[in-house]
Amino acid sequence: MSDAAWGELARQLAYKQAWHGGHVLVADRWFASSKTCSACGDVKQALTLGMRVFHCDACGHTLDRDLNAAVNLATWGTKHHSQVLDPEARGQVTNAHRRDGSGRRTRADETSPDDVGTLTATAA
């Protein structure tokens, strides 16, 4: 695992998401996703790795530890989605209005009616 190239995986994910008009959110390494109750938000201070089921002492919510962490990370991502800056424009992320994705064109000057959602009229 020490030579699993996690940095390369992260780079590839960010590259692929940018290629398709998306972005990757990275939560802080110390974000307590496993220790936080996904129902009430209470943080459990003592949670060992051996405890595979999360049980909240405050509200009684019980859930698989990994599923609880996934719910917390999804909630965190939803809250932080609008704060992501486009690294190229140094501003808010905006996506093109293309229905067929944000992939490359065959030529630099190639456009299509789908680029801005223009409807085409055909002669009968």
N, C-alpha and C. Protein backbone atom coordinates (compact mmCIF):
# COMPACT_ATOMS: atom_id res chain seq x y z
N MET A 1 0.82 -1.21 0.00
CA MET A 1 0.00 0.00 0.00
C MET A 1 0.85 1.26 0.00
N SER A 2 2.09 1.15 0.51
CA SER A 2 2.91 2.36 0.60
C SER A 2 3.30 2.88 -0.78
N ASP A 3 3.29 2.01 -1.80
CA ASP A 3 3.65 2.43 -3.14
C ASP A 3 2.44 2.36 -4.08
N ALA A 4 1.28 2.72 -3.57
CA ALA A 4 0.05 2.61 -4.35
C ALA A 4 -0.19 3.80 -5.26
N ALA A 5 0.66 4.82 -5.20
CA ALA A 5 0.56 6.00 -6.08
C ALA A 5 -0.78 6.72 -5.92
N TRP A 6 -1.17 6.99 -4.69
CA TRP A 6 -2.43 7.69 -4.41
C TRP A 6 -2.43 9.09 -5.01
N GLY A 7 -1.26 9.72 -5.03
CA GLY A 7 -1.16 11.06 -5.64
C GLY A 7 -1.48 11.02 -7.12
N GLU A 8 -1.02 9.99 -7.80
CA GLU A 8 -1.31 9.83 -9.23
C GLU A 8 -2.80 9.56 -9.45
N LEU A 9 -3.40 8.76 -8.58
CA LEU A 9 -4.84 8.51 -8.68
C LEU A 9 -5.62 9.81 -8.51
N ALA A 10 -5.24 10.61 -7.53
CA ALA A 10 -5.91 11.90 -7.30
C ALA A 10 -5.73 12.82 -8.50
N ARG A 11 -4.54 12.85 -9.08
CA ARG A 11 -4.28 13.68 -10.25
C ARG A 11 -5.14 13.24 -11.43
N GLN A 12 -5.24 11.93 -11.63
CA GLN A 12 -6.05 11.40 -12.72
C GLN A 12 -7.54 11.71 -12.53
N LEU A 13 -8.03 11.57 -11.30
CA LEU A 13 -9.43 11.90 -11.03
C LEU A 13 -9.73 13.37 -11.33
N ALA A 14 -8.86 14.25 -10.87
CA ALA A 14 -9.06 15.68 -11.12
C ALA A 14 -9.00 15.99 -12.61
N TYR A 15 -8.05 15.37 -13.31
CA TYR A 15 -7.89 15.58 -14.75
C TYR A 15 -9.13 15.10 -15.51
N LYS A 16 -9.59 13.91 -15.19
CA LYS A 16 -10.76 13.36 -15.89
C LYS A 16 -12.02 14.16 -15.61
N GLN A 17 -12.21 14.59 -14.37
CA GLN A 17 -13.38 15.39 -14.04
C GLN A 17 -13.35 16.73 -14.76
N ALA A 18 -12.19 17.38 -14.79
CA ALA A 18 -12.07 18.66 -15.51
C ALA A 18 -12.33 18.46 -16.99
N TRP A 19 -11.87 17.37 -17.54
CA TRP A 19 -12.07 17.05 -18.96
C TRP A 19 -13.56 16.96 -19.30
N HIS A 20 -14.33 16.43 -18.38
CA HIS A 20 -15.76 16.25 -18.61
C HIS A 20 -16.61 17.34 -17.96
N GLY A 21 -16.00 18.44 -17.57
CA GLY A 21 -16.75 19.57 -17.04
C GLY A 21 -17.07 19.49 -15.57
N GLY A 22 -16.50 18.56 -14.86
CA GLY A 22 -16.76 18.42 -13.43
C GLY A 22 -15.58 18.88 -12.60
N HIS A 23 -15.60 18.57 -11.33
CA HIS A 23 -14.50 18.91 -10.44
C HIS A 23 -14.50 17.94 -9.26
N VAL A 24 -13.38 17.87 -8.60
CA VAL A 24 -13.21 16.98 -7.46
C VAL A 24 -13.12 17.81 -6.20
N LEU A 25 -13.90 17.47 -5.20
CA LEU A 25 -13.82 18.13 -3.90
C LEU A 25 -12.96 17.27 -2.98
N VAL A 26 -12.09 17.90 -2.22
CA VAL A 26 -11.23 17.18 -1.30
C VAL A 26 -11.53 17.65 0.11
N ALA A 27 -12.01 16.74 0.94
CA ALA A 27 -12.28 17.06 2.34
C ALA A 27 -10.97 17.08 3.10
N ASP A 28 -10.91 17.86 4.15
CA ASP A 28 -9.72 17.91 5.00
C ASP A 28 -9.41 16.52 5.53
N ARG A 29 -8.14 16.20 5.64
CA ARG A 29 -7.72 14.89 6.11
C ARG A 29 -8.29 14.56 7.49
N TRP A 30 -8.48 15.56 8.32
CA TRP A 30 -8.94 15.34 9.69
C TRP A 30 -10.43 15.58 9.87
N PHE A 31 -11.18 15.68 8.77
CA PHE A 31 -12.64 15.82 8.85
C PHE A 31 -13.20 14.56 9.53
N ALA A 32 -13.95 14.74 10.59
CA ALA A 32 -14.43 13.61 11.40
C ALA A 32 -15.66 12.95 10.79
N SER A 33 -15.54 12.42 9.59
CA SER A 33 -16.68 11.83 8.90
C SER A 33 -17.17 10.56 9.60
N SER A 34 -16.27 9.79 10.18
CA SER A 34 -16.68 8.56 10.87
C SER A 34 -17.24 8.82 12.25
N LYS A 35 -16.76 9.87 12.90
CA LYS A 35 -17.13 10.15 14.29
C LYS A 35 -18.35 11.04 14.43
N THR A 36 -18.83 11.59 13.33
CA THR A 36 -19.97 12.52 13.37
C THR A 36 -21.26 11.77 13.04
N CYS A 37 -22.28 12.01 13.82
CA CYS A 37 -23.58 11.39 13.58
C CYS A 37 -24.21 12.03 12.34
N SER A 38 -24.59 11.21 11.38
CA SER A 38 -25.19 11.74 10.15
C SER A 38 -26.63 12.20 10.36
N ALA A 39 -27.23 11.87 11.51
CA ALA A 39 -28.61 12.28 11.79
C ALA A 39 -28.66 13.60 12.55
N CYS A 40 -27.86 13.73 13.63
CA CYS A 40 -27.96 14.94 14.47
C CYS A 40 -26.70 15.80 14.47
N GLY A 41 -25.57 15.29 13.97
CA GLY A 41 -24.35 16.07 13.91
C GLY A 41 -23.48 16.01 15.15
N ASP A 42 -23.89 15.24 16.14
CA ASP A 42 -23.09 15.10 17.36
C ASP A 42 -21.80 14.34 17.03
N VAL A 43 -20.67 14.78 17.61
CA VAL A 43 -19.39 14.14 17.36
C VAL A 43 -19.04 13.21 18.51
N LYS A 44 -18.77 11.96 18.17
CA LYS A 44 -18.39 10.96 19.16
C LYS A 44 -16.87 10.98 19.30
N GLN A 45 -16.37 11.30 20.48
CA GLN A 45 -14.93 11.44 20.68
C GLN A 45 -14.21 10.10 20.67
N ALA A 46 -14.78 9.08 21.26
CA ALA A 46 -14.12 7.78 21.35
C ALA A 46 -14.77 6.80 20.37
N LEU A 47 -14.09 6.57 19.25
CA LEU A 47 -14.57 5.61 18.27
C LEU A 47 -13.35 4.88 17.71
N THR A 48 -13.16 3.67 18.13
CA THR A 48 -11.99 2.91 17.69
C THR A 48 -12.24 2.30 16.32
N LEU A 49 -11.17 1.89 15.65
CA LEU A 49 -11.30 1.27 14.34
C LEU A 49 -12.02 -0.07 14.41
N GLY A 50 -12.00 -0.71 15.56
CA GLY A 50 -12.70 -1.98 15.73
C GLY A 50 -14.21 -1.85 15.78
N MET A 51 -14.72 -0.68 16.09
CA MET A 51 -16.17 -0.45 16.13
C MET A 51 -16.67 -0.24 14.70
N ARG A 52 -17.33 -1.23 14.15
CA ARG A 52 -17.78 -1.19 12.75
C ARG A 52 -19.19 -0.63 12.61
N VAL A 53 -19.90 -0.47 13.73
CA VAL A 53 -21.24 0.11 13.71
C VAL A 53 -21.21 1.39 14.52
N PHE A 54 -21.71 2.49 13.90
CA PHE A 54 -21.76 3.77 14.59
C PHE A 54 -23.08 3.84 15.35
N HIS A 55 -23.00 4.15 16.64
CA HIS A 55 -24.20 4.36 17.46
C HIS A 55 -24.05 5.72 18.14
N CYS A 56 -25.00 6.62 17.88
CA CYS A 56 -24.96 7.96 18.47
C CYS A 56 -25.54 7.93 19.88
N ASP A 57 -24.76 8.42 20.82
CA ASP A 57 -25.24 8.49 22.21
C ASP A 57 -26.26 9.60 22.41
N ALA A 58 -26.23 10.62 21.54
CA ALA A 58 -27.13 11.77 21.69
C ALA A 58 -28.55 11.47 21.20
N CYS A 59 -28.64 10.87 19.98
CA CYS A 59 -29.99 10.67 19.41
C CYS A 59 -30.36 9.20 19.23
N GLY A 60 -29.40 8.28 19.43
CA GLY A 60 -29.70 6.86 19.29
C GLY A 60 -29.60 6.32 17.88
N HIS A 61 -29.20 7.16 16.93
CA HIS A 61 -29.07 6.74 15.52
C HIS A 61 -28.00 5.66 15.40
N THR A 62 -28.30 4.57 14.70
CA THR A 62 -27.36 3.47 14.50
C THR A 62 -27.22 3.19 13.01
N LEU A 63 -25.97 3.09 12.55
CA LEU A 63 -25.69 2.90 11.14
C LEU A 63 -24.31 2.29 10.98
N ASP A 64 -24.09 1.55 9.91
CA ASP A 64 -22.76 1.04 9.61
C ASP A 64 -21.77 2.21 9.58
N ARG A 65 -20.61 2.02 10.16
CA ARG A 65 -19.63 3.10 10.30
C ARG A 65 -19.25 3.72 8.95
N ASP A 66 -18.98 2.88 7.94
CA ASP A 66 -18.59 3.40 6.63
C ASP A 66 -19.73 4.12 5.93
N LEU A 67 -20.94 3.60 6.07
CA LEU A 67 -22.10 4.27 5.48
C LEU A 67 -22.35 5.61 6.15
N ASN A 68 -22.19 5.67 7.46
CA ASN A 68 -22.33 6.92 8.19
C ASN A 68 -21.32 7.95 7.68
N ALA A 69 -20.06 7.51 7.49
CA ALA A 69 -19.02 8.40 6.98
C ALA A 69 -19.34 8.87 5.56
N ALA A 70 -19.86 7.96 4.73
CA ALA A 70 -20.22 8.32 3.36
C ALA A 70 -21.34 9.37 3.32
N VAL A 71 -22.32 9.23 4.19
CA VAL A 71 -23.41 10.21 4.27
C VAL A 71 -22.86 11.56 4.70
N ASN A 72 -21.97 11.56 5.69
CA ASN A 72 -21.37 12.82 6.15
C ASN A 72 -20.54 13.48 5.06
N LEU A 73 -19.77 12.70 4.30
CA LEU A 73 -18.96 13.26 3.22
C LEU A 73 -19.84 13.79 2.08
N ALA A 74 -20.93 13.09 1.79
CA ALA A 74 -21.86 13.57 0.76
C ALA A 74 -22.50 14.89 1.18
N THR A 75 -22.87 14.99 2.44
CA THR A 75 -23.44 16.25 2.96
C THR A 75 -22.41 17.36 2.91
N TRP A 76 -21.17 17.05 3.29
CA TRP A 76 -20.09 18.04 3.24
C TRP A 76 -19.87 18.51 1.80
N GLY A 77 -19.87 17.58 0.85
CA GLY A 77 -19.68 17.92 -0.55
C GLY A 77 -20.78 18.82 -1.09
N THR A 78 -22.02 18.54 -0.69
CA THR A 78 -23.14 19.37 -1.13
C THR A 78 -23.00 20.79 -0.61
N LYS A 79 -22.58 20.93 0.64
CA LYS A 79 -22.41 22.26 1.23
C LYS A 79 -21.27 23.04 0.60
N HIS A 80 -20.22 22.35 0.18
CA HIS A 80 -19.03 23.02 -0.34
C HIS A 80 -18.97 23.08 -1.86
N HIS A 81 -19.95 22.51 -2.55
CA HIS A 81 -19.95 22.46 -4.01
C HIS A 81 -19.89 23.84 -4.64
N SER A 82 -20.67 24.79 -4.16
CA SER A 82 -20.73 26.12 -4.78
C SER A 82 -19.50 26.97 -4.47
N GLN A 83 -18.64 26.50 -3.57
CA GLN A 83 -17.45 27.28 -3.21
C GLN A 83 -16.22 26.86 -3.99
N VAL A 84 -16.36 25.91 -4.92
CA VAL A 84 -15.22 25.44 -5.70
C VAL A 84 -14.88 26.49 -6.75
N LEU A 85 -13.61 26.83 -6.84
CA LEU A 85 -13.15 27.80 -7.82
C LEU A 85 -12.57 27.09 -9.03
N ASP A 86 -12.82 27.64 -10.20
CA ASP A 86 -12.24 27.13 -11.43
C ASP A 86 -10.77 27.52 -11.44
N PRO A 87 -9.83 26.56 -11.46
CA PRO A 87 -8.41 26.91 -11.39
C PRO A 87 -7.93 27.73 -12.58
N GLU A 88 -8.56 27.59 -13.74
CA GLU A 88 -8.14 28.34 -14.92
C GLU A 88 -8.62 29.79 -14.86
N ALA A 89 -9.87 29.99 -14.48
CA ALA A 89 -10.45 31.33 -14.48
C ALA A 89 -10.32 32.02 -13.13
N ARG A 90 -9.92 31.29 -12.11
CA ARG A 90 -9.80 31.82 -10.75
C ARG A 90 -11.14 32.37 -10.26
N GLY A 91 -12.22 31.73 -10.69
CA GLY A 91 -13.55 32.14 -10.28
C GLY A 91 -14.44 30.93 -10.10
N GLN A 92 -15.74 31.14 -9.94
CA GLN A 92 -16.67 30.05 -9.75
C GLN A 92 -16.69 29.13 -10.97
N VAL A 93 -16.91 27.86 -10.75
CA VAL A 93 -16.95 26.88 -11.83
C VAL A 93 -18.24 27.06 -12.61
N THR A 94 -18.13 27.14 -13.93
CA THR A 94 -19.30 27.17 -14.80
C THR A 94 -19.08 26.15 -15.90
N ASN A 95 -20.10 25.47 -16.28
CA ASN A 95 -19.99 24.45 -17.32
C ASN A 95 -20.58 24.95 -18.62
N ALA A 96 -20.03 24.46 -19.72
CA ALA A 96 -20.53 24.81 -21.03
C ALA A 96 -21.93 24.23 -21.21
N HIS A 97 -22.68 24.78 -22.14
CA HIS A 97 -24.06 24.34 -22.37
C HIS A 97 -24.12 23.29 -23.48
N ARG A 98 -23.19 22.37 -23.49
CA ARG A 98 -23.19 21.34 -24.52
C ARG A 98 -23.88 20.10 -24.01
N ARG A 99 -24.78 19.56 -24.82
CA ARG A 99 -25.48 18.35 -24.42
C ARG A 99 -24.59 17.12 -24.54
N ASP A 100 -23.59 17.18 -25.43
CA ASP A 100 -22.77 16.00 -25.69
C ASP A 100 -21.49 15.97 -24.88
N GLY A 101 -21.38 16.76 -23.83
CA GLY A 101 -20.20 16.72 -22.97
C GLY A 101 -19.18 17.79 -23.31
N SER A 102 -18.10 17.78 -22.56
CA SER A 102 -17.11 18.83 -22.72
C SER A 102 -15.82 18.33 -23.36
N GLY A 103 -15.89 17.23 -24.06
CA GLY A 103 -14.70 16.66 -24.70
C GLY A 103 -14.14 17.55 -25.80
N ARG A 104 -12.98 17.17 -26.29
CA ARG A 104 -12.31 17.94 -27.34
C ARG A 104 -13.05 17.88 -28.66
N ARG A 105 -12.86 18.90 -29.45
CA ARG A 105 -13.34 18.93 -30.82
C ARG A 105 -12.21 18.44 -31.72
N THR A 106 -12.56 18.07 -32.95
CA THR A 106 -11.50 17.61 -33.86
C THR A 106 -10.66 18.77 -34.37
N ARG A 107 -11.25 19.96 -34.48
CA ARG A 107 -10.51 21.15 -34.89
C ARG A 107 -10.77 22.25 -33.87
N ALA A 108 -9.85 23.17 -33.76
CA ALA A 108 -9.98 24.24 -32.77
C ALA A 108 -11.19 25.13 -33.04
N ASP A 109 -11.55 25.34 -34.32
CA ASP A 109 -12.65 26.24 -34.66
C ASP A 109 -13.98 25.52 -34.85
N GLU A 110 -14.03 24.24 -34.57
CA GLU A 110 -15.24 23.46 -34.78
C GLU A 110 -16.28 23.77 -33.70
N THR A 111 -17.48 24.06 -34.13
CA THR A 111 -18.59 24.28 -33.21
C THR A 111 -19.80 23.51 -33.73
N SER A 112 -20.80 23.46 -32.90
CA SER A 112 -22.03 22.80 -33.33
C SER A 112 -23.21 23.54 -32.71
N PRO A 113 -24.42 23.33 -33.23
CA PRO A 113 -25.60 23.97 -32.62
C PRO A 113 -25.78 23.60 -31.16
N ASP A 114 -25.28 22.43 -30.76
CA ASP A 114 -25.43 22.00 -29.37
C ASP A 114 -24.58 22.81 -28.40
N ASP A 115 -23.60 23.56 -28.90
CA ASP A 115 -22.72 24.31 -28.00
C ASP A 115 -23.48 25.28 -27.11
N VAL A 116 -24.53 25.88 -27.61
CA VAL A 116 -25.31 26.81 -26.80
C VAL A 116 -26.79 26.44 -26.78
N GLY A 117 -27.10 25.23 -27.18
CA GLY A 117 -28.48 24.77 -27.14
C GLY A 117 -29.32 25.30 -28.27
N THR A 118 -28.71 25.71 -29.39
CA THR A 118 -29.44 26.25 -30.52
C THR A 118 -30.19 25.14 -31.24
N LEU A 119 -31.44 25.37 -31.55
CA LEU A 119 -32.22 24.39 -32.30
C LEU A 119 -31.99 24.63 -33.79
N THR A 120 -31.90 23.57 -34.54
CA THR A 120 -31.70 23.70 -35.98
C THR A 120 -33.01 23.50 -36.71
N ALA A 121 -33.20 24.23 -37.79
CA ALA A 121 -34.38 24.07 -38.63
C ALA A 121 -33.95 23.36 -39.90
N THR A 122 -34.72 22.39 -40.32
CA THR A 122 -34.40 21.67 -41.54
C THR A 122 -35.43 22.00 -42.60
N ALA A 123 -34.95 22.09 -43.84
CA ALA A 123 -35.85 22.37 -44.95
C ALA A 123 -36.57 21.09 -45.35
N ALA A 124 -37.84 21.23 -45.74
CA ALA A 124 -38.62 20.05 -46.10
C ALA A 124 -38.44 19.68 -47.53
